[in-house]
Amino acid sequence: MPETMDGRRLYSDLAWTWPIISPPEEYVDETTEIIDVMSKYSEKPIRRVLNLGCGGGHNDCTLKCKYEVTGVDISEAMLSLARKLNPENEYVYGDMRTVRLERQFDAVTIFDSINYMCSVDDLQAAFRTAYEHLRTGGVLITVADEWREKFIQNKTIHLTRQRGDIEITLIENYYDPDPGDSWYEDNIIFLIRRAGQLRIETDYHRLGLFDLSQWTAAIEAAGFEASQISSSISNGAGEHCPVFVGRRH
């Protein structure tokens, strides 16, 4: 599939669908578990958290109950949603691979946005950004939604959500055209019904796919002491996702 197919309309003209198909209340349990992991592995009390690839700010709804939160994202449409949802938080436009805020935090989180790192170099760059923004004793927490050892070719998932007179059915298909490289395709169909009138939209995303050992190696290459832990956090197919911890000493 050519590069130009990587539409990511979910982060531009279709961003308005995100609070409907993936509402903030569905992130509470996941974020609470991440908070517990941060607290366990951090060598110092956590007050300020940087969330790289914050998207629409849904994890931040829970993070802000305990911390001062700064979010970074490359999608202006998602940042607009995040600012509306969490006006007390700071949101900054930036690429997690290259952004430098010239300040440090007690913890850095990277939730499912890490999936958009499609090469080992990109993965390491994102983790290096986290390292550069952490105080000594701080901690990075990230989650692998998909990984090479458990990837299922042609996995298809779907959901339906409704808000007011808008009903959206989302169908996603995961396909790896070349198991020898480090990415797979996420093809999405949106069935959008407004007062019963159907509109069909499609989207295409290119996402990273790595061995679990590559995740650990990339975190260590960025300067961290790395750990992989089990979790009850699940992806869209209900599979439990590994959580990775990076400690900056």
Protein backbone atom coordinates (compact mmCIF):
# COMPACT_ATOMS: atom_id res chain seq x y z
CA MET A 1 0.00 0.00 0.00
CA PRO A 2 1.55 3.37 -0.96
CA GLU A 3 2.46 5.96 1.67
CA THR A 4 -0.28 8.27 0.39
CA MET A 5 -2.88 5.79 1.59
CA ASP A 6 -2.07 6.55 5.24
CA GLY A 7 -5.08 8.83 5.55
CA ARG A 8 -5.58 8.97 9.34
CA ARG A 9 -8.88 10.79 8.84
CA LEU A 10 -9.76 9.87 12.43
CA TYR A 11 -7.27 12.57 13.41
CA SER A 12 -8.58 15.20 10.99
CA ASP A 13 -12.04 15.46 9.46
CA LEU A 14 -13.41 12.42 11.34
CA ALA A 15 -12.00 13.41 14.74
CA TRP A 16 -15.49 14.48 15.85
CA THR A 17 -16.46 10.79 15.96
CA TRP A 18 -13.83 9.93 18.60
CA PRO A 19 -15.76 10.97 21.75
CA ILE A 20 -18.70 8.92 20.47
CA ILE A 21 -16.93 5.69 19.47
CA SER A 22 -14.39 5.78 22.32
CA PRO A 23 -15.81 7.91 25.17
CA PRO A 24 -13.63 9.09 28.09
CA GLU A 25 -15.41 6.93 30.66
CA GLU A 26 -14.07 3.81 28.93
CA TYR A 27 -10.51 4.88 29.82
CA VAL A 28 -10.90 5.08 33.59
CA ASP A 29 -9.88 1.49 34.44
CA GLU A 30 -6.92 1.49 32.04
CA THR A 31 -5.60 4.82 33.30
CA THR A 32 -6.11 3.87 36.94
CA GLU A 33 -4.00 0.75 36.38
CA ILE A 34 -1.28 2.85 34.73
CA ILE A 35 -1.34 5.25 37.71
CA ASP A 36 -0.79 2.29 40.03
CA VAL A 37 2.17 1.10 37.92
CA MET A 38 3.69 4.59 37.85
CA SER A 39 3.43 4.89 41.59
CA LYS A 40 5.00 1.48 42.12
CA TYR A 41 7.99 1.97 39.83
CA SER A 42 8.77 5.66 40.27
CA GLU A 43 11.62 6.39 42.66
CA LYS A 44 10.12 9.76 43.60
CA PRO A 45 6.64 11.17 44.27
CA ILE A 46 4.79 12.00 41.05
CA ARG A 47 3.34 15.46 40.62
CA ARG A 48 3.75 16.37 36.95
CA VAL A 49 2.96 13.98 34.07
CA LEU A 50 3.69 14.33 30.35
CA ASN A 51 1.34 12.36 28.10
CA LEU A 52 2.91 11.93 24.65
CA GLY A 53 0.39 11.31 21.88
CA CYS A 54 -2.49 12.38 24.12
CA GLY A 55 -5.13 12.28 21.36
CA GLY A 56 -8.48 13.62 22.49
CA GLY A 57 -7.41 13.70 26.15
CA HIS A 58 -9.48 10.75 27.33
CA ASN A 59 -6.74 9.22 29.52
CA ASP A 60 -6.02 12.72 30.82
CA CYS A 61 -9.51 12.88 32.34
CA THR A 62 -8.32 10.37 34.94
CA LEU A 63 -4.68 11.47 35.13
CA LYS A 64 -5.70 15.04 35.99
CA CYS A 65 -7.47 13.84 39.15
CA LYS A 66 -4.03 13.16 40.68
CA TYR A 67 -1.47 15.08 38.64
CA GLU A 68 -0.65 18.23 36.74
CA VAL A 69 -0.91 17.02 33.14
CA THR A 70 0.70 18.25 29.92
CA GLY A 71 -0.39 16.58 26.68
CA VAL A 72 1.40 16.52 23.34
CA ASP A 73 -0.09 15.44 20.03
CA ILE A 74 0.52 15.87 16.30
CA SER A 75 -3.20 16.21 15.48
CA GLU A 76 -4.65 19.70 15.89
CA ALA A 77 -8.14 18.22 15.68
CA MET A 78 -7.45 15.91 18.61
CA LEU A 79 -5.80 18.70 20.61
CA SER A 80 -8.94 20.78 20.12
CA LEU A 81 -11.03 17.97 21.60
CA ALA A 82 -8.57 17.54 24.48
CA ARG A 83 -8.60 21.24 25.36
CA LYS A 84 -12.39 21.26 25.40
CA LEU A 85 -12.55 18.15 27.58
CA ASN A 86 -9.74 19.14 29.98
CA PRO A 87 -9.45 22.96 30.02
CA GLU A 88 -7.28 22.84 33.14
CA ASN A 89 -4.55 20.85 31.37
CA GLU A 90 -1.82 22.18 29.09
CA TYR A 91 -1.80 20.90 25.50
CA VAL A 92 1.05 21.37 23.03
CA TYR A 93 1.34 20.53 19.34
CA GLY A 94 4.30 18.27 18.64
CA ASP A 95 5.63 14.98 17.27
CA MET A 96 6.56 12.53 20.04
CA ARG A 97 9.73 11.61 18.14
CA THR A 98 11.15 15.12 18.07
CA VAL A 99 9.31 17.46 20.46
CA ARG A 100 11.39 19.09 23.19
CA LEU A 101 9.59 21.18 25.80
CA GLU A 102 12.80 22.18 27.62
CA ARG A 103 11.43 21.04 30.98
CA GLN A 104 11.19 17.82 32.92
CA PHE A 105 8.42 15.75 34.45
CA ASP A 106 8.08 13.07 37.10
CA ALA A 107 6.45 10.57 34.73
CA VAL A 108 5.81 10.16 31.01
CA THR A 109 2.97 8.10 29.56
CA ILE A 110 2.51 6.93 25.99
CA PHE A 111 -0.76 5.10 25.51
CA ASP A 112 -1.98 3.64 22.19
CA SER A 113 -0.42 6.47 20.16
CA ILE A 114 2.86 4.55 20.37
CA ASN A 115 1.31 2.24 17.76
CA TYR A 116 2.10 4.85 15.11
CA MET A 117 5.83 4.28 15.48
CA CYS A 118 6.38 2.04 12.45
CA SER A 119 10.13 1.43 12.68
CA VAL A 120 12.57 0.61 15.46
CA ASP A 121 14.19 4.00 14.89
CA ASP A 122 10.86 5.76 15.43
CA LEU A 123 10.17 3.67 18.53
CA GLN A 124 13.56 4.57 19.99
CA ALA A 125 13.06 8.24 19.11
CA ALA A 126 9.77 8.36 21.02
CA PHE A 127 11.36 6.71 24.05
CA ARG A 128 14.32 9.10 23.83
CA THR A 129 11.85 12.00 23.94
CA ALA A 130 10.40 10.49 27.10
CA TYR A 131 13.89 10.09 28.59
CA GLU A 132 14.84 13.70 27.85
CA HIS A 133 11.70 14.95 29.61
CA LEU A 134 12.11 12.89 32.79
CA ARG A 135 13.76 13.85 36.03
CA THR A 136 16.23 11.40 37.53
CA GLY A 137 14.14 8.76 39.27
CA GLY A 138 11.24 9.34 36.89
CA VAL A 139 9.36 6.66 35.01
CA LEU A 140 8.05 5.99 31.50
CA ILE A 141 4.96 3.83 31.05
CA THR A 142 3.79 2.57 27.66
CA VAL A 143 1.50 -0.18 26.38
CA ALA A 144 1.75 -2.51 23.35
CA ASP A 145 -1.70 -2.99 21.82
CA GLU A 146 -0.38 -5.38 19.15
CA TRP A 147 2.88 -7.32 19.04
CA ARG A 148 4.43 -9.73 16.60
CA GLU A 149 4.12 -12.88 18.71
CA LYS A 150 0.33 -12.53 19.07
CA PHE A 151 -0.62 -10.80 15.82
CA ILE A 152 -3.62 -12.35 14.05
CA GLN A 153 -3.74 -11.82 10.31
CA ASN A 154 -7.04 -10.36 9.08
CA LYS A 155 -8.35 -9.81 12.60
CA THR A 156 -11.59 -7.84 12.34
CA ILE A 157 -13.27 -6.07 15.22
CA HIS A 158 -16.39 -3.93 15.39
CA LEU A 159 -18.40 -1.79 17.77
CA THR A 160 -21.47 0.42 17.75
CA ARG A 161 -21.92 3.56 19.83
CA GLN A 162 -24.70 6.12 19.96
CA ARG A 163 -25.01 9.71 21.13
CA GLY A 164 -28.24 11.60 20.59
CA ASP A 165 -29.47 11.00 17.04
CA ILE A 166 -26.00 9.85 15.86
CA GLU A 167 -25.17 6.14 15.73
CA ILE A 168 -21.74 4.98 14.56
CA THR A 169 -20.72 1.44 13.75
CA LEU A 170 -16.95 1.06 13.39
CA ILE A 171 -15.38 -1.92 11.62
CA GLU A 172 -11.59 -2.42 11.74
CA ASN A 173 -9.49 -4.96 9.85
CA TYR A 174 -5.82 -5.62 10.69
CA TYR A 175 -3.65 -6.95 7.87
CA ASP A 176 0.11 -7.38 7.58
CA PRO A 177 1.08 -7.34 3.87
CA ASP A 178 4.73 -8.22 4.64
CA PRO A 179 5.61 -10.09 7.86
CA GLY A 180 9.25 -9.26 7.18
CA ASP A 181 8.83 -5.56 7.95
CA SER A 182 7.69 -3.69 11.07
CA TRP A 183 4.19 -2.42 10.29
CA TYR A 184 0.65 -3.54 9.47
CA GLU A 185 -2.47 -1.95 8.02
CA ASP A 186 -5.51 -0.88 10.00
CA ASN A 187 -8.39 -0.37 7.57
CA ILE A 188 -11.50 1.23 9.04
CA ILE A 189 -15.09 1.56 7.84
CA PHE A 190 -17.41 4.04 9.55
CA LEU A 191 -21.16 3.49 9.21
CA ILE A 192 -22.53 6.81 10.43
CA ARG A 193 -26.28 7.18 10.86
CA ARG A 194 -27.70 10.57 11.73
CA ALA A 195 -31.44 10.33 12.42
CA GLY A 196 -31.33 7.06 10.49
CA GLN A 197 -29.66 8.48 7.38
CA LEU A 198 -26.57 6.43 6.48
CA ARG A 199 -23.17 7.88 5.56
CA ILE A 200 -20.20 5.59 4.90
CA GLU A 201 -16.60 6.75 5.41
CA THR A 202 -13.32 4.83 5.20
CA ASP A 203 -9.89 5.38 6.74
CA TYR A 204 -6.44 3.80 6.58
CA HIS A 205 -3.74 3.74 9.25
CA ARG A 206 -0.24 2.26 9.21
CA LEU A 207 0.78 0.91 12.64
CA GLY A 208 3.96 -0.55 14.07
CA LEU A 209 4.43 -4.25 14.79
CA PHE A 210 7.41 -5.46 16.83
CA ASP A 211 8.58 -8.44 18.85
CA LEU A 212 8.29 -7.90 22.59
CA SER A 213 12.09 -8.10 22.80
CA GLN A 214 12.30 -5.17 20.38
CA TRP A 215 10.12 -3.08 22.68
CA THR A 216 12.44 -3.75 25.61
CA ALA A 217 15.55 -3.12 23.52
CA ALA A 218 14.19 0.19 22.22
CA ILE A 219 13.45 1.40 25.75
CA GLU A 220 16.94 0.40 26.90
CA ALA A 221 18.53 2.07 23.85
CA ALA A 222 16.90 5.33 24.94
CA GLY A 223 18.76 5.11 28.28
CA PHE A 224 16.19 3.47 30.55
CA GLU A 225 16.21 0.42 32.75
CA ALA A 226 13.36 -1.53 31.13
CA SER A 227 10.78 -3.94 32.54
CA GLN A 228 7.82 -5.74 30.98
CA ILE A 229 4.85 -6.49 33.20
CA SER A 230 1.49 -8.17 32.68
CA SER A 231 -1.70 -6.15 32.94
CA SER A 232 -5.47 -6.37 32.78
CA ILE A 233 -5.49 -3.67 30.09
CA SER A 234 -7.04 -5.07 26.92
CA ASN A 235 -7.00 -4.06 23.27
CA GLY A 236 -10.01 -3.87 20.97
CA ALA A 237 -10.09 -7.66 20.63
CA GLY A 238 -10.09 -8.27 24.39
CA GLU A 239 -6.48 -9.50 24.57
CA HIS A 240 -4.44 -8.45 27.61
CA CYS A 241 -1.65 -6.06 26.64
CA PRO A 242 1.89 -6.03 28.01
CA VAL A 243 2.92 -2.86 29.83
CA PHE A 244 6.49 -1.60 29.54
CA VAL A 245 8.21 0.43 32.23
CA GLY A 246 11.33 2.53 31.75
CA ARG A 247 13.08 3.92 34.81
CA ARG A 248 15.53 6.78 34.50
CA HIS A 249 18.29 6.47 37.10
